[in-house]
Structure formats: structure tokens, C-alpha cells
């Protein structure tokens, strides 16, 4: 029975993260853009392709951007317009924030359970959230390069 209870808590916490991140104004993501910038070791997102073969499995993960009316579909690029690309980049930051907040719920599970069970949930939640974070961190540098290229082309 505790597994059902914990699964419900996990789902509720993730939906709370979705709610918080969707209610967070876009300007907040712009202000804290440095948190989401690619790190040198990520090699512009290429480390995810080379070491984790993300291009082979990322299509298997659902696009959570469509779970509410304010969501943004990120499964495929629908336009090359500057505004659309800018929104896409912003939404990858929002999606990454949702999954980092989801990982934050690990603290609750470690406090709720004795050592081996808390560890079980910690491993499970990490396995769930990390691939979604990796997908956003793989896609965003490519989108940002495309956005910059499009901006330069429009200015010329």
C-alpha cells in the first residue's frame, strides 16, 4: 500500500513542479538563463549524443509540454521564425526546471522512509528525471545556435 501512496505523492509533487514552472513568468527564466547555459564539458550538447546516444532514444520519452493548455510541444521543430525559436529555447529551460524540481522531491522520500526504501525511491526518481534533463540540455544549445543564425540572417 505504501508504494501506491508514494507514487501518488510523487505524481502530486511533479504536478506541483509543473504548476510552479508554468506560473513562473518568462522573464524569470531570462534573468536566470546562466543556470541553464551549456557547461564546457557538455560540448554544446554533443556529449549527450556521443556518450549517451541520446539521438537513439529521446523520441521514446513523452513530451510533457502538452499536458496543459499553456503547454508548448517540443517533440519537433514546427517553425524557423525567430519568435518561435526563442519560445522553444525558453520552454526547454522550463522543462528542465520542472525535472530539477522533481528531483528535489528526493529529500521528502529520504525523510519519509528508512534507509533502504528511501534509497529505492531516490534511484527511481533519478532514473526518471535525469533523461528528461539530458534531452533539454542536448536540444537547447542546438536551438540557440539555430536562433542566432536566424537572427543574423534577418539582420543582413
N, C-alpha and C. Protein backbone atom coordinates (compact mmCIF):
# COMPACT_ATOMS: atom_id res chain seq x y z
N UNK A 1 0.82 -1.21 0.00
CA UNK A 1 0.00 0.00 0.00
C UNK A 1 0.86 1.27 0.00
N UNK A 2 2.04 1.19 0.67
CA UNK A 2 2.90 2.36 0.73
C UNK A 2 3.43 2.74 -0.64
N UNK A 3 3.57 1.75 -1.54
CA UNK A 3 4.05 2.06 -2.89
C UNK A 3 3.03 2.93 -3.61
N UNK A 4 1.76 2.60 -3.48
CA UNK A 4 0.69 3.40 -4.10
C UNK A 4 0.68 4.81 -3.52
N UNK A 5 0.80 4.89 -2.19
CA UNK A 5 0.84 6.20 -1.53
C UNK A 5 2.01 7.03 -2.05
N UNK A 6 3.19 6.41 -2.12
CA UNK A 6 4.38 7.13 -2.57
C UNK A 6 4.29 7.53 -4.03
N UNK A 7 3.72 6.67 -4.84
CA UNK A 7 3.53 7.00 -6.26
C UNK A 7 2.60 8.21 -6.40
N UNK A 8 1.56 8.25 -5.58
CA UNK A 8 0.63 9.39 -5.60
C UNK A 8 1.32 10.66 -5.13
N UNK A 9 2.15 10.55 -4.10
CA UNK A 9 2.91 11.71 -3.62
C UNK A 9 3.86 12.17 -4.72
N UNK A 10 4.57 11.22 -5.36
CA UNK A 10 5.50 11.58 -6.43
C UNK A 10 4.77 12.30 -7.57
N UNK A 11 3.64 11.75 -7.99
CA UNK A 11 2.87 12.37 -9.07
C UNK A 11 2.41 13.77 -8.66
N UNK A 12 1.93 13.90 -7.45
CA UNK A 12 1.46 15.20 -6.97
C UNK A 12 2.59 16.22 -6.92
N UNK A 13 3.75 15.80 -6.46
CA UNK A 13 4.90 16.72 -6.41
C UNK A 13 5.35 17.13 -7.80
N UNK A 14 5.30 16.19 -8.74
CA UNK A 14 5.66 16.54 -10.11
C UNK A 14 4.64 17.50 -10.73
N UNK A 15 3.38 17.28 -10.45
CA UNK A 15 2.36 18.20 -10.97
C UNK A 15 2.49 19.58 -10.32
N UNK A 16 2.90 19.60 -9.05
CA UNK A 16 3.16 20.88 -8.38
C UNK A 16 4.34 21.58 -9.06
N UNK A 17 5.38 20.83 -9.41
CA UNK A 17 6.53 21.41 -10.12
C UNK A 17 6.09 21.97 -11.48
N UNK A 18 5.23 21.23 -12.19
CA UNK A 18 4.71 21.71 -13.47
C UNK A 18 3.95 23.02 -13.27
N UNK A 19 3.09 23.04 -12.27
CA UNK A 19 2.29 24.24 -11.98
C UNK A 19 3.19 25.43 -11.66
N UNK A 20 4.15 25.22 -10.76
CA UNK A 20 5.06 26.30 -10.36
C UNK A 20 5.84 26.83 -11.57
N UNK A 21 6.38 25.93 -12.36
CA UNK A 21 7.20 26.36 -13.50
C UNK A 21 6.38 27.02 -14.59
N UNK A 22 5.13 26.62 -14.75
CA UNK A 22 4.29 27.27 -15.76
C UNK A 22 3.76 28.62 -15.28
N UNK A 23 3.65 28.77 -13.97
CA UNK A 23 3.22 30.06 -13.43
C UNK A 23 4.38 31.05 -13.29
N UNK A 24 5.61 30.54 -13.34
CA UNK A 24 6.77 31.41 -13.26
C UNK A 24 6.86 32.23 -14.55
N UNK A 25 6.91 33.55 -14.42
CA UNK A 25 6.95 34.41 -15.62
C UNK A 25 8.19 34.13 -16.48
N UNK A 26 8.02 34.29 -17.78
CA UNK A 26 9.12 34.05 -18.72
C UNK A 26 10.35 34.88 -18.39
N UNK A 27 10.13 36.10 -17.88
CA UNK A 27 11.27 36.98 -17.59
C UNK A 27 12.17 36.40 -16.49
N UNK A 28 11.63 35.55 -15.63
CA UNK A 28 12.44 34.90 -14.60
C UNK A 28 13.43 33.93 -15.25
N UNK A 29 12.96 33.19 -16.24
CA UNK A 29 13.85 32.26 -16.95
C UNK A 29 14.93 33.04 -17.70
N UNK A 30 14.56 34.17 -18.26
CA UNK A 30 15.54 35.01 -18.96
C UNK A 30 16.57 35.55 -17.96
N UNK A 31 16.11 35.95 -16.77
CA UNK A 31 17.01 36.50 -15.76
C UNK A 31 18.01 35.45 -15.27
N UNK A 32 17.56 34.21 -15.13
CA UNK A 32 18.42 33.15 -14.61
C UNK A 32 18.92 32.22 -15.72
N UNK A 33 19.03 32.76 -16.91
CA UNK A 33 19.47 32.00 -18.07
C UNK A 33 20.82 31.31 -17.86
N UNK A 34 21.68 31.93 -17.07
CA UNK A 34 23.02 31.37 -16.82
C UNK A 34 22.92 29.99 -16.17
N UNK A 35 21.88 29.74 -15.37
CA UNK A 35 21.71 28.43 -14.76
C UNK A 35 21.54 27.35 -15.81
N UNK A 36 20.96 27.73 -16.94
CA UNK A 36 20.63 26.76 -17.98
C UNK A 36 21.66 26.73 -19.12
N UNK A 37 22.66 27.58 -19.04
CA UNK A 37 23.63 27.64 -20.14
C UNK A 37 24.41 26.33 -20.22
N UNK A 38 24.85 25.97 -21.41
CA UNK A 38 25.65 24.75 -21.55
C UNK A 38 26.98 24.90 -20.81
N UNK A 39 27.38 23.87 -20.17
CA UNK A 39 28.68 23.84 -19.49
C UNK A 39 29.72 23.34 -20.51
N UNK A 40 30.95 23.72 -20.28
CA UNK A 40 32.01 23.34 -21.22
C UNK A 40 32.09 21.85 -21.47
N UNK A 41 31.92 21.05 -20.42
CA UNK A 41 32.03 19.60 -20.56
C UNK A 41 30.91 19.01 -21.41
N UNK A 42 29.81 19.78 -21.58
CA UNK A 42 28.70 19.27 -22.40
C UNK A 42 28.96 19.41 -23.89
N UNK A 43 29.99 20.18 -24.25
CA UNK A 43 30.41 20.35 -25.64
C UNK A 43 29.23 20.71 -26.55
N UNK A 44 28.49 21.73 -26.12
CA UNK A 44 27.36 22.19 -26.93
C UNK A 44 26.26 21.15 -27.08
N UNK A 45 26.13 20.27 -26.11
CA UNK A 45 25.10 19.22 -26.15
C UNK A 45 25.58 17.93 -26.79
N UNK A 46 26.77 17.95 -27.39
CA UNK A 46 27.26 16.78 -28.11
C UNK A 46 27.65 15.62 -27.20
N UNK A 47 27.99 15.92 -25.94
CA UNK A 47 28.35 14.84 -25.02
C UNK A 47 27.19 13.86 -24.85
N UNK A 48 25.97 14.37 -24.93
CA UNK A 48 24.80 13.50 -24.77
C UNK A 48 24.63 12.57 -25.97
N UNK A 49 25.05 13.04 -27.11
CA UNK A 49 24.99 12.19 -28.30
C UNK A 49 26.11 11.16 -28.31
N UNK A 50 27.33 11.62 -28.00
CA UNK A 50 28.50 10.74 -28.06
C UNK A 50 28.52 9.68 -26.97
N UNK A 51 28.19 10.08 -25.75
CA UNK A 51 28.34 9.17 -24.62
C UNK A 51 27.04 8.46 -24.22
N UNK A 52 25.90 9.11 -24.47
CA UNK A 52 24.63 8.55 -24.03
C UNK A 52 23.72 8.15 -25.19
N UNK A 53 24.15 8.39 -26.42
CA UNK A 53 23.40 8.03 -27.62
C UNK A 53 21.96 8.54 -27.57
N UNK A 54 21.82 9.78 -27.10
CA UNK A 54 20.51 10.37 -26.88
C UNK A 54 19.66 10.42 -28.15
N UNK A 55 20.29 10.56 -29.29
CA UNK A 55 19.57 10.63 -30.56
C UNK A 55 18.84 9.33 -30.86
N UNK A 56 19.24 8.24 -30.21
CA UNK A 56 18.61 6.94 -30.46
C UNK A 56 17.40 6.68 -29.58
N UNK A 57 17.29 7.37 -28.44
CA UNK A 57 16.21 7.05 -27.52
C UNK A 57 15.34 8.22 -27.09
N UNK A 58 15.73 9.46 -27.39
CA UNK A 58 14.96 10.58 -26.87
C UNK A 58 13.53 10.61 -27.41
N UNK A 59 13.30 10.07 -28.58
CA UNK A 59 11.94 10.05 -29.14
C UNK A 59 11.00 9.12 -28.36
N UNK A 60 11.54 8.26 -27.53
CA UNK A 60 10.73 7.33 -26.75
C UNK A 60 10.10 7.99 -25.52
N UNK A 61 10.59 9.17 -25.15
CA UNK A 61 10.09 9.87 -23.97
C UNK A 61 8.95 10.80 -24.36
N UNK A 62 7.92 10.87 -23.52
CA UNK A 62 6.77 11.73 -23.85
C UNK A 62 7.13 13.21 -23.72
N UNK A 63 6.44 14.03 -24.48
CA UNK A 63 6.60 15.48 -24.43
C UNK A 63 5.57 16.00 -23.44
N UNK A 64 6.02 16.36 -22.26
CA UNK A 64 5.10 16.84 -21.22
C UNK A 64 4.54 18.22 -21.49
N UNK A 65 5.03 18.89 -22.52
CA UNK A 65 4.55 20.24 -22.82
C UNK A 65 3.10 20.29 -23.25
N UNK A 66 2.51 19.15 -23.49
CA UNK A 66 1.13 19.13 -23.96
C UNK A 66 0.14 18.70 -22.88
N UNK A 67 0.58 18.66 -21.61
CA UNK A 67 -0.34 18.19 -20.58
C UNK A 67 -1.28 19.27 -20.07
N UNK A 68 -1.03 20.51 -20.43
CA UNK A 68 -1.98 21.55 -20.05
C UNK A 68 -2.16 22.52 -21.20
N UNK A 69 -3.12 23.40 -21.05
CA UNK A 69 -3.46 24.30 -22.15
C UNK A 69 -2.39 25.35 -22.42
N UNK A 70 -1.47 25.57 -21.49
CA UNK A 70 -0.41 26.53 -21.71
C UNK A 70 0.88 25.86 -22.19
N UNK A 71 0.81 24.57 -22.40
CA UNK A 71 1.99 23.81 -22.77
C UNK A 71 2.50 24.14 -24.17
N UNK A 72 3.72 23.75 -24.42
CA UNK A 72 4.39 24.01 -25.69
C UNK A 72 4.97 22.69 -26.18
N UNK A 73 4.54 22.25 -27.34
CA UNK A 73 5.02 20.98 -27.89
C UNK A 73 6.48 21.12 -28.31
N UNK A 74 7.32 20.21 -27.82
CA UNK A 74 8.74 20.26 -28.12
C UNK A 74 9.22 19.02 -28.86
N UNK A 75 8.29 18.20 -29.31
CA UNK A 75 8.68 16.95 -29.97
C UNK A 75 9.38 17.20 -31.30
N UNK A 76 9.00 18.26 -31.98
CA UNK A 76 9.64 18.57 -33.27
C UNK A 76 9.60 20.07 -33.51
N UNK A 77 10.51 20.51 -34.33
CA UNK A 77 10.60 21.93 -34.69
C UNK A 77 9.51 22.23 -35.70
N UNK A 78 8.62 23.16 -35.35
CA UNK A 78 7.48 23.47 -36.21
C UNK A 78 7.70 24.71 -37.07
N UNK A 79 8.69 25.53 -36.75
CA UNK A 79 8.91 26.77 -37.47
C UNK A 79 10.35 27.21 -37.30
N UNK A 80 10.81 28.07 -38.19
CA UNK A 80 12.15 28.65 -38.03
C UNK A 80 12.06 30.15 -37.74
N UNK A 81 10.87 30.61 -37.41
CA UNK A 81 10.67 32.02 -37.07
C UNK A 81 11.42 32.35 -35.78
N UNK A 82 11.98 33.54 -35.69
CA UNK A 82 12.76 33.95 -34.54
C UNK A 82 11.95 33.84 -33.24
N UNK A 83 10.73 34.33 -33.24
CA UNK A 83 9.90 34.30 -32.02
C UNK A 83 9.63 32.86 -31.58
N UNK A 84 9.34 31.99 -32.53
CA UNK A 84 9.07 30.59 -32.22
C UNK A 84 10.32 29.92 -31.62
N UNK A 85 11.47 30.15 -32.24
CA UNK A 85 12.72 29.56 -31.74
C UNK A 85 13.04 30.08 -30.35
N UNK A 86 12.81 31.37 -30.12
CA UNK A 86 13.03 31.94 -28.79
C UNK A 86 12.13 31.30 -27.74
N UNK A 87 10.87 31.07 -28.11
CA UNK A 87 9.93 30.40 -27.21
C UNK A 87 10.35 28.97 -26.97
N UNK A 88 10.82 28.31 -27.99
CA UNK A 88 11.26 26.92 -27.86
C UNK A 88 12.42 26.83 -26.86
N UNK A 89 13.39 27.73 -26.99
CA UNK A 89 14.53 27.75 -26.07
C UNK A 89 14.04 27.98 -24.64
N UNK A 90 13.14 28.94 -24.46
CA UNK A 90 12.57 29.22 -23.14
C UNK A 90 11.86 27.98 -22.57
N UNK A 91 11.12 27.29 -23.41
CA UNK A 91 10.38 26.11 -22.94
C UNK A 91 11.30 24.95 -22.58
N UNK A 92 12.48 24.88 -23.20
CA UNK A 92 13.43 23.84 -22.77
C UNK A 92 13.96 24.17 -21.38
N UNK A 93 14.10 25.46 -21.09
CA UNK A 93 14.52 25.86 -19.73
C UNK A 93 13.42 25.51 -18.73
N UNK A 94 12.19 25.79 -19.09
CA UNK A 94 11.06 25.50 -18.21
C UNK A 94 10.98 23.99 -17.95
N UNK A 95 11.12 23.19 -19.00
CA UNK A 95 11.05 21.73 -18.85
C UNK A 95 12.19 21.22 -17.97
N UNK A 96 13.37 21.76 -18.17
CA UNK A 96 14.49 21.35 -17.34
C UNK A 96 14.23 21.71 -15.87
N UNK A 97 13.71 22.90 -15.63
CA UNK A 97 13.41 23.33 -14.25
C UNK A 97 12.38 22.39 -13.60
N UNK A 98 11.38 21.98 -14.36
CA UNK A 98 10.37 21.06 -13.84
C UNK A 98 11.03 19.78 -13.34
N UNK A 99 11.94 19.24 -14.12
CA UNK A 99 12.56 17.97 -13.74
C UNK A 99 13.60 18.14 -12.62
N UNK A 100 14.25 19.30 -12.55
CA UNK A 100 15.14 19.55 -11.41
C UNK A 100 14.31 19.66 -10.13
N UNK A 101 13.15 20.32 -10.21
CA UNK A 101 12.27 20.38 -9.04
C UNK A 101 11.77 19.00 -8.66
N UNK A 102 11.48 18.19 -9.67
CA UNK A 102 11.07 16.81 -9.41
C UNK A 102 12.14 16.04 -8.66
N UNK A 103 13.39 16.26 -9.04
CA UNK A 103 14.50 15.61 -8.32
C UNK A 103 14.60 16.14 -6.89
N UNK A 104 14.18 17.37 -6.69
CA UNK A 104 14.19 17.94 -5.35
C UNK A 104 13.31 17.18 -4.38
N UNK A 105 12.33 16.47 -4.90
CA UNK A 105 11.44 15.70 -4.03
C UNK A 105 12.15 14.49 -3.40
N UNK A 106 13.37 14.22 -3.85
CA UNK A 106 14.15 13.13 -3.25
C UNK A 106 14.31 13.33 -1.74
N UNK A 107 14.45 14.57 -1.34
CA UNK A 107 14.61 14.88 0.08
C UNK A 107 13.41 14.35 0.86
N UNK A 108 12.22 14.56 0.34
CA UNK A 108 11.00 14.12 1.01
C UNK A 108 11.00 12.60 1.15
N UNK A 109 11.36 11.91 0.09
CA UNK A 109 11.36 10.44 0.14
C UNK A 109 12.41 9.91 1.10
N UNK A 110 13.55 10.55 1.14
CA UNK A 110 14.59 10.10 2.08
C UNK A 110 14.18 10.36 3.52
N UNK A 111 13.37 11.40 3.75
CA UNK A 111 12.88 11.68 5.10
C UNK A 111 11.71 10.78 5.49
N UNK A 112 10.90 10.38 4.50
CA UNK A 112 9.72 9.57 4.76
C UNK A 112 10.04 8.11 5.08
N UNK A 113 11.16 7.62 4.59
CA UNK A 113 11.45 6.20 4.66
C UNK A 113 12.78 5.89 5.33
N UNK A 114 12.87 4.73 5.93
CA UNK A 114 14.17 4.29 6.43
C UNK A 114 15.12 4.05 5.25
N UNK A 115 16.38 3.94 5.56
CA UNK A 115 17.45 3.92 4.56
C UNK A 115 17.18 3.10 3.29
N UNK A 116 16.93 1.83 3.32
CA UNK A 116 16.88 1.14 2.03
C UNK A 116 15.71 1.58 1.15
N UNK A 117 14.57 1.92 1.77
CA UNK A 117 13.41 2.31 0.96
C UNK A 117 13.56 3.72 0.39
N UNK A 118 14.14 4.62 1.19
CA UNK A 118 14.41 5.96 0.67
C UNK A 118 15.37 5.91 -0.50
N UNK A 119 16.36 5.03 -0.40
CA UNK A 119 17.33 4.85 -1.49
C UNK A 119 16.64 4.30 -2.74
N UNK A 120 15.70 3.38 -2.56
CA UNK A 120 14.92 2.84 -3.68
C UNK A 120 14.23 3.96 -4.44
N UNK A 121 13.56 4.86 -3.70
CA UNK A 121 12.86 5.97 -4.36
C UNK A 121 13.85 6.95 -4.97
N UNK A 122 14.96 7.19 -4.29
CA UNK A 122 15.96 8.12 -4.82
C UNK A 122 16.49 7.64 -6.17
N UNK A 123 16.80 6.36 -6.25
CA UNK A 123 17.29 5.80 -7.52
C UNK A 123 16.21 5.88 -8.58
N UNK A 124 14.99 5.51 -8.23
CA UNK A 124 13.89 5.53 -9.19
C UNK A 124 13.59 6.92 -9.72
N UNK A 125 13.54 7.89 -8.83
CA UNK A 125 13.26 9.27 -9.27
C UNK A 125 14.39 9.82 -10.13
N UNK A 126 15.62 9.47 -9.77
CA UNK A 126 16.76 9.92 -10.57
C UNK A 126 16.70 9.31 -11.96
N UNK A 127 16.42 8.03 -12.03
CA UNK A 127 16.31 7.36 -13.33
C UNK A 127 15.19 7.98 -14.16
N UNK A 128 14.12 8.42 -13.51
CA UNK A 128 13.02 9.05 -14.24
C UNK A 128 13.40 10.44 -14.74
N UNK A 129 13.92 11.29 -13.88
CA UNK A 129 14.10 12.70 -14.23
C UNK A 129 15.35 13.02 -15.04
N UNK A 130 16.44 12.35 -14.80
CA UNK A 130 17.70 12.69 -15.48
C UNK A 130 17.60 12.61 -17.01
N UNK A 131 16.96 11.59 -17.59
CA UNK A 131 16.88 11.59 -19.06
C UNK A 131 16.15 12.80 -19.63
N UNK A 132 15.11 13.27 -18.94
CA UNK A 132 14.39 14.46 -19.42
C UNK A 132 15.28 15.70 -19.35
N UNK A 133 16.06 15.80 -18.29
CA UNK A 133 17.00 16.92 -18.17
C UNK A 133 18.05 16.83 -19.29
N UNK A 134 18.55 15.64 -19.54
CA UNK A 134 19.54 15.45 -20.60
C UNK A 134 18.98 15.83 -21.96
N UNK A 135 17.74 15.49 -22.22
CA UNK A 135 17.12 15.83 -23.51
C UNK A 135 17.09 17.35 -23.69
N UNK A 136 16.70 18.08 -22.65
CA UNK A 136 16.64 19.54 -22.75
C UNK A 136 18.03 20.12 -22.94
N UNK A 137 19.01 19.57 -22.22
CA UNK A 137 20.38 20.09 -22.30
C UNK A 137 21.05 19.71 -23.61
N UNK A 138 20.57 18.68 -24.26
CA UNK A 138 21.07 18.30 -25.59
C UNK A 138 20.46 19.21 -26.65
N UNK A 139 19.17 19.48 -26.55
CA UNK A 139 18.47 20.24 -27.58
C UNK A 139 18.72 21.75 -27.52
N UNK A 140 18.81 22.31 -26.30
CA UNK A 140 18.87 23.76 -26.18
C UNK A 140 20.07 24.38 -26.90
N UNK A 141 21.30 23.88 -26.78
CA UNK A 141 22.41 24.52 -27.50
C UNK A 141 22.21 24.51 -29.02
N UNK A 142 21.64 23.44 -29.52
CA UNK A 142 21.37 23.37 -30.97
C UNK A 142 20.33 24.41 -31.35
N UNK A 143 19.29 24.55 -30.54
CA UNK A 143 18.25 25.55 -30.81
C UNK A 143 18.82 26.96 -30.71
N UNK A 144 19.67 27.19 -29.72
CA UNK A 144 20.27 28.52 -29.57
C UNK A 144 21.16 28.87 -30.76
N UNK A 145 21.91 27.90 -31.28
CA UNK A 145 22.72 28.15 -32.48
C UNK A 145 21.83 28.48 -33.67
N UNK A 146 20.74 27.73 -33.82
CA UNK A 146 19.80 27.98 -34.91
C UNK A 146 19.16 29.36 -34.77
N UNK A 147 18.80 29.73 -33.55
CA UNK A 147 18.20 31.04 -33.28
C UNK A 147 19.18 32.16 -33.64
N UNK A 148 20.43 32.03 -33.22
CA UNK A 148 21.44 33.05 -33.53
C UNK A 148 21.67 33.15 -35.04
N UNK A 149 21.73 32.02 -35.70
CA UNK A 149 21.91 32.01 -37.16
C UNK A 149 20.73 32.72 -37.84
N UNK A 150 19.53 32.44 -37.37
CA UNK A 150 18.33 33.06 -37.94
C UNK A 150 18.32 34.56 -37.68
N UNK A 151 18.72 34.98 -36.49
CA UNK A 151 18.77 36.41 -36.16
C UNK A 151 19.77 37.12 -37.07
N UNK A 152 20.95 36.53 -37.27
CA UNK A 152 21.96 37.13 -38.15
C UNK A 152 21.45 37.25 -39.57
N UNK A 153 20.74 36.21 -40.04
CA UNK A 153 20.20 36.21 -41.40
C UNK A 153 19.14 37.30 -41.55
N UNK A 154 18.34 37.50 -40.53
CA UNK A 154 17.29 38.52 -40.59
C UNK A 154 17.86 39.92 -40.55
N UNK A 155 19.01 40.10 -39.88
CA UNK A 155 19.65 41.41 -39.80
C UNK A 155 20.39 41.77 -41.07
N UNK A 156 20.80 40.78 -41.82
CA UNK A 156 21.60 41.03 -43.05
C UNK A 156 20.76 41.56 -44.18
